[in-house]
Each structure stands twice: as structure tokens, then as C-alpha cells.
Amino acid sequence: MSVLHMSSEIANIWVGASGQGFSLIALFERADWVVKLIMIMLAFASIWSWAIIIDKTIQFYLLKKRASNFEETFWSGRTLDELAKGLAGDVRDPMGRVFTAAMREFRESEGNPRKNDIEGTRQRIDRVMGLVVNRELAKAERGMTVLATVGSASVFIGLLGTVWGIINTFRAIDQAKDVNIVLVIPGITEALFATALGLVAAIPAVIFYNKFSTDLDRYAGRLYGYVDELSAILSRKIGKGG
């Protein structure tokens, strides 16, 4: 068979099969049940990762915006007591929660009979702020593990579907006792479709995981920087006796 004749035959097969077709639905319907299960898993993983991506995008936007607003308020020249009164009952920003927890511990230490325990007071305030920071960063980190898992596993799951589909194609060729391109093209296409779904799920997950990891590191640095500044302010206040 000449190359020209083979190319013509492949074109005819593709045009004829596309009538049945090569749409996503048709590829799914013709696939083996194992490949179907893999396709469903990858589609679910993609939807789940995009839901997390949208949620984390909104979350980090709000964190940055609220942090900027809080820092502007904090450095506006008001006293710590005035800030504490202004934040009462409306603490949506992690920095605000750190400040509230630190001021609560500071006031409780003022009423402590061991009022001269300056170093102990400083350590307790730092410990309380550290606990709040860790809790807030843990909240900001939620969903990152899912993105990392989807980004790393989806490609291999899709590849498994491809390998399984190719094995089925070879089995069909063996049963037909004929290496007919009509048997090969649809089977290979369905098999490769699983890998394509794996890439569609993995690529956005990896990209946004890296982006959110960078955003989280920057926000953590900003939050720890604020903790250091507040710790220094409260230490001076404690040293002066309140």
C-alpha cells in the first residue's frame, strides 16, 4: 500500500468516525469501563482543584486587602487601648486577631499579683501571638495539599488510562487477527484522551499551587514582621510599667 493511499484511507476513516465521532462524549462512551472510571476521577479532580483555586484567589486577595487596612489603622497614631476598643467585636483580619490576643494577655498580666515578672509577661504574650499566627496560617494553607496531590497524581492517573486503553486496542487487534487501522485509530484516540484529561487537571493545579505557595510565604513574612513589631511595642510598654 502506497503512502498516499494510506494517508487517504486514514483521512476517510477519521472523517467517517468523526460522524460517530471523536467528540468528548463519544470518546467517553466508547471507552472501556476502567478508562471511564479514570476519566470521571480526573474530571472530578479538575473541578475540585478549580473550586479551590477560585476560593484561594479570593482568600488571598482579602487577606492582603485587610492586612493593608489594618496596618494603616495600626500606624495611624492611636494608642493601643484606643485600637483595642475600636477592634472589639469586629476582628476579621489575622493581624487584628493577633493584636486582640496580645492585648488580652497584656491586660491579664497587668492584674496579676506577680506584676514585676516582666520577662514572664513578655514570653506569655509572644507565645500567645505565636499560637494565633500558626492557627491563621494553617487556615490560609487549607486546600494546598489537594492542589499538590492533583498536580502530581493526575498525569500518572491519565497515563494509566492511556496504557489500559492501548492494551485494549492491542487485544482487539489480536482477536481480529488483522492489523487494521480502523481498529487502531479509535482505540488510540480514546486512550490518549485519558492522558489529555490528566494534563488538563494537573497543569492548572501545579501553576496555582506554586502561586499560592509564594503568596502564603509572603503573607507569613508580613504577619511575622507585624508580630515582631507588636512584641517590641508591648515590651517597651511592659518595661515602663504599663
Protein backbone atom coordinates (compact mmCIF):
# COMPACT_ATOMS: atom_id res chain seq x y z
CA MET A 1 0.00 0.00 0.00
CA SER A 2 1.45 3.36 -1.01
CA VAL A 3 1.92 6.19 1.45
CA LEU A 4 -0.57 8.34 -0.49
CA HIS A 5 -3.19 5.61 -0.45
CA MET A 6 -2.66 5.01 3.29
CA SER A 7 -2.98 8.74 4.02
CA SER A 8 -6.21 8.85 2.02
CA GLU A 9 -7.57 5.86 3.91
CA ILE A 10 -6.69 7.40 7.28
CA ALA A 11 -8.43 10.63 6.25
CA ASN A 12 -11.56 8.72 5.21
CA ILE A 13 -11.58 6.76 8.47
CA TRP A 14 -11.18 9.96 10.50
CA VAL A 15 -13.98 11.74 8.63
CA GLY A 16 -16.26 8.74 8.89
CA ALA A 17 -15.52 8.15 12.55
CA SER A 18 -15.99 11.81 13.39
CA GLY A 19 -19.56 11.44 12.31
CA GLN A 20 -19.96 8.92 15.09
CA GLY A 21 -17.50 10.78 16.42
CA PHE A 22 -14.45 11.98 18.08
CA SER A 23 -16.30 14.35 20.41
CA LEU A 24 -15.54 14.18 24.12
CA ILE A 25 -18.86 12.46 24.84
CA ALA A 26 -18.34 9.89 22.08
CA LEU A 27 -14.81 9.14 23.27
CA PHE A 28 -16.10 8.64 26.80
CA GLU A 29 -18.97 6.40 25.71
CA ARG A 30 -16.73 4.11 23.65
CA ALA A 31 -14.04 3.80 26.32
CA ASP A 32 -13.51 0.73 28.49
CA TRP A 33 -15.11 0.88 31.96
CA VAL A 34 -11.69 1.24 33.61
CA VAL A 35 -10.82 4.18 31.34
CA LYS A 36 -14.27 5.65 32.02
CA LEU A 37 -13.64 5.45 35.75
CA ILE A 38 -10.27 7.16 35.30
CA MET A 39 -11.86 9.89 33.16
CA ILE A 40 -14.53 10.51 35.82
CA MET A 41 -11.86 10.71 38.54
CA LEU A 42 -9.82 13.20 36.52
CA ALA A 43 -12.86 15.32 35.71
CA PHE A 44 -13.80 15.40 39.41
CA ALA A 45 -10.20 16.27 40.37
CA SER A 46 -10.17 19.11 37.85
CA ILE A 47 -13.46 20.56 39.12
CA TRP A 48 -12.31 20.21 42.74
CA SER A 49 -8.99 21.91 42.04
CA TRP A 50 -10.68 24.80 40.21
CA ALA A 51 -13.06 25.28 43.13
CA ILE A 52 -10.04 25.52 45.44
CA ILE A 53 -8.24 27.84 43.02
CA ILE A 54 -11.17 30.27 42.97
CA ASP A 55 -11.57 30.09 46.76
CA LYS A 56 -7.85 30.65 47.43
CA THR A 57 -7.68 33.53 44.95
CA ILE A 58 -10.49 35.32 46.81
CA GLN A 59 -8.99 34.40 50.19
CA PHE A 60 -5.51 35.77 49.47
CA TYR A 61 -6.98 38.91 47.92
CA LEU A 62 -8.98 39.57 51.09
CA LEU A 63 -6.00 38.76 53.33
CA LYS A 64 -3.80 41.29 51.54
CA LYS A 65 -6.51 43.95 51.48
CA ARG A 66 -7.44 43.53 55.16
CA ALA A 67 -3.78 43.44 56.19
CA SER A 68 -3.16 46.74 54.42
CA ASN A 69 -6.24 48.30 56.03
CA PHE A 70 -5.23 47.04 59.48
CA GLU A 71 -1.64 48.26 59.15
CA GLU A 72 -2.92 51.68 58.10
CA THR A 73 -5.15 51.78 61.17
CA PHE A 74 -2.45 50.42 63.49
CA TRP A 75 0.08 53.05 62.50
CA SER A 76 -2.45 55.90 62.48
CA GLY A 77 -1.13 57.26 65.78
CA ARG A 78 -3.83 55.96 68.10
CA THR A 79 -2.89 54.34 71.40
CA LEU A 80 -3.06 50.59 71.91
CA ASP A 81 -6.09 50.95 74.18
CA GLU A 82 -7.92 53.00 71.55
CA LEU A 83 -7.10 50.41 68.90
CA ALA A 84 -8.30 47.60 71.16
CA LYS A 85 -11.63 49.36 71.73
CA GLY A 86 -12.01 50.02 68.01
CA LEU A 87 -11.41 46.36 67.15
CA ALA A 88 -13.77 44.98 69.77
CA GLY A 89 -16.32 42.65 68.17
CA ASP A 90 -15.03 43.10 64.60
CA VAL A 91 -11.79 41.18 64.12
CA ARG A 92 -11.81 39.69 60.60
CA ASP A 93 -8.12 40.15 59.86
CA PRO A 94 -5.47 37.74 61.21
CA MET A 95 -3.33 40.71 62.26
CA GLY A 96 -6.29 42.05 64.21
CA ARG A 97 -6.73 38.68 65.94
CA VAL A 98 -3.03 38.63 66.83
CA PHE A 99 -3.35 42.14 68.27
CA THR A 100 -6.50 41.27 70.23
CA ALA A 101 -4.93 38.13 71.71
CA ALA A 102 -1.76 40.02 72.67
CA MET A 103 -3.71 42.86 74.33
CA ARG A 104 -5.87 40.37 76.23
CA GLU A 105 -2.80 38.65 77.63
CA PHE A 106 -1.20 42.02 78.40
CA ARG A 107 -4.23 43.19 80.39
CA GLU A 108 -4.46 39.91 82.28
CA SER A 109 -0.78 40.22 83.17
CA GLU A 110 -1.39 43.73 84.50
CA GLY A 111 -3.88 42.31 87.00
CA ASN A 112 -1.52 39.52 88.01
CA PRO A 113 -0.14 39.74 91.57
CA ARG A 114 3.31 38.97 90.13
CA LYS A 115 3.31 42.25 88.27
CA ASN A 116 7.08 42.57 88.33
CA ASP A 117 7.52 39.38 86.30
CA ILE A 118 8.39 41.38 83.17
CA GLU A 119 10.23 38.63 81.31
CA GLY A 120 7.46 36.09 82.04
CA THR A 121 4.86 38.51 80.72
CA ARG A 122 6.82 39.06 77.53
CA GLN A 123 7.18 35.32 76.98
CA ARG A 124 3.48 34.68 77.53
CA ILE A 125 2.50 37.42 75.07
CA ASP A 126 4.94 36.10 72.45
CA ARG A 127 3.65 32.57 72.97
CA VAL A 128 0.03 33.66 72.57
CA MET A 129 0.81 35.60 69.40
CA GLY A 130 2.74 32.63 68.01
CA LEU A 131 -0.22 30.32 68.57
CA VAL A 132 -2.59 32.71 66.82
CA VAL A 133 -0.20 33.13 63.88
CA ASN A 134 0.17 29.37 63.46
CA ARG A 135 -3.59 28.93 63.54
CA GLU A 136 -4.17 31.67 60.98
CA LEU A 137 -1.50 30.35 58.63
CA ALA A 138 -2.99 26.85 58.92
CA LYS A 139 -6.33 28.29 57.79
CA ALA A 140 -4.68 30.04 54.84
CA GLU A 141 -2.94 26.79 53.88
CA ARG A 142 -6.13 24.73 53.62
CA GLY A 143 -6.65 23.24 50.18
CA MET A 144 -3.00 23.47 49.18
CA THR A 145 -2.49 19.74 49.77
CA VAL A 146 -5.32 18.97 47.35
CA LEU A 147 -3.74 21.12 44.64
CA ALA A 148 -0.37 19.47 45.19
CA THR A 149 -1.93 16.00 45.00
CA VAL A 150 -3.93 16.77 41.86
CA GLY A 151 -0.91 18.36 40.22
CA SER A 152 1.37 15.41 40.91
CA ALA A 153 -1.02 12.46 40.55
CA SER A 154 -3.33 13.44 37.67
CA VAL A 155 -0.70 12.95 34.97
CA PHE A 156 0.08 9.44 36.18
CA ILE A 157 -3.60 8.55 36.53
CA GLY A 158 -4.21 9.76 32.98
CA LEU A 159 -1.19 7.77 31.80
CA LEU A 160 -2.65 4.69 33.45
CA GLY A 161 -5.84 5.21 31.44
CA THR A 162 -3.79 5.57 28.26
CA VAL A 163 -1.81 2.38 28.91
CA TRP A 164 -5.01 0.50 29.70
CA GLY A 165 -6.66 1.80 26.54
CA ILE A 166 -3.69 0.81 24.37
CA ILE A 167 -3.70 -2.68 25.89
CA ASN A 168 -7.38 -2.99 24.96
CA THR A 169 -6.58 -1.83 21.44
CA PHE A 170 -3.88 -4.49 21.05
CA ARG A 171 -6.29 -7.07 22.43
CA ALA A 172 -8.88 -6.08 19.80
CA ILE A 173 -6.24 -6.36 17.06
CA ASP A 174 -5.25 -9.80 18.32
CA GLN A 175 -8.85 -11.00 18.37
CA ALA A 176 -9.48 -9.66 14.86
CA LYS A 177 -6.25 -11.29 13.61
CA ASP A 178 -5.76 -8.22 11.45
CA VAL A 179 -3.70 -5.08 11.97
CA ASN A 180 -6.42 -2.83 10.62
CA ILE A 181 -6.07 0.88 11.08
CA VAL A 182 -9.83 1.06 11.65
CA LEU A 183 -9.25 -0.78 14.93
CA VAL A 184 -6.21 1.25 15.89
CA ILE A 185 -7.25 4.90 15.44
CA PRO A 186 -10.36 4.97 17.68
CA GLY A 187 -8.69 2.93 20.42
CA ILE A 188 -5.54 5.04 20.47
CA THR A 189 -7.61 8.23 20.43
CA GLU A 190 -9.67 7.10 23.41
CA ALA A 191 -6.50 6.08 25.23
CA LEU A 192 -4.76 9.40 24.64
CA PHE A 193 -7.88 11.24 25.75
CA ALA A 194 -7.23 9.98 29.29
CA THR A 195 -3.73 11.49 29.27
CA ALA A 196 -5.15 14.75 27.93
CA LEU A 197 -7.63 14.87 30.83
CA GLY A 198 -4.78 14.22 33.25
CA LEU A 199 -2.82 17.16 31.85
CA VAL A 200 -5.90 19.41 31.92
CA ALA A 201 -6.31 18.63 35.62
CA ALA A 202 -2.62 18.76 36.53
CA ILE A 203 -1.34 21.88 34.76
CA PRO A 204 -3.62 24.49 36.44
CA ALA A 205 -3.19 22.75 39.81
CA VAL A 206 0.62 22.95 39.61
CA ILE A 207 0.64 26.56 38.37
CA PHE A 208 -1.70 27.84 41.06
CA TYR A 209 -0.11 25.72 43.79
CA ASN A 210 3.20 27.45 43.10
CA LYS A 211 1.49 30.86 43.01
CA PHE A 212 -0.38 30.31 46.28
CA SER A 213 2.75 28.92 47.96
CA THR A 214 4.55 32.16 47.08
CA ASP A 215 1.58 34.24 48.27
CA LEU A 216 1.45 32.29 51.53
CA ASP A 217 5.18 32.74 52.17
CA ARG A 218 4.92 36.48 51.56
CA TYR A 219 1.90 36.82 53.82
CA ALA A 220 3.57 34.73 56.53
CA GLY A 221 6.60 37.03 56.39
CA ARG A 222 4.33 40.05 56.64
CA LEU A 223 2.46 38.54 59.60
CA TYR A 224 5.63 37.55 61.46
CA GLY A 225 7.04 41.02 60.83
CA TYR A 226 3.97 42.56 62.45
CA VAL A 227 4.29 40.18 65.41
CA ASP A 228 7.87 41.30 65.95
CA GLU A 229 6.84 44.96 65.82
CA LEU A 230 3.94 44.46 68.23
CA SER A 231 6.14 42.41 70.56
CA ALA A 232 8.68 45.25 70.66
CA ILE A 233 5.97 47.85 71.38
CA LEU A 234 4.45 45.78 74.19
CA SER A 235 7.89 45.01 75.63
CA ARG A 236 8.62 48.74 75.93
CA LYS A 237 5.21 49.27 77.49
CA ILE A 238 5.80 46.46 79.99
CA GLY A 239 9.24 47.81 80.79
CA LYS A 240 7.71 51.20 81.61
CA GLY A 241 5.21 49.54 83.91
CA GLY A 242 2.18 49.72 81.51
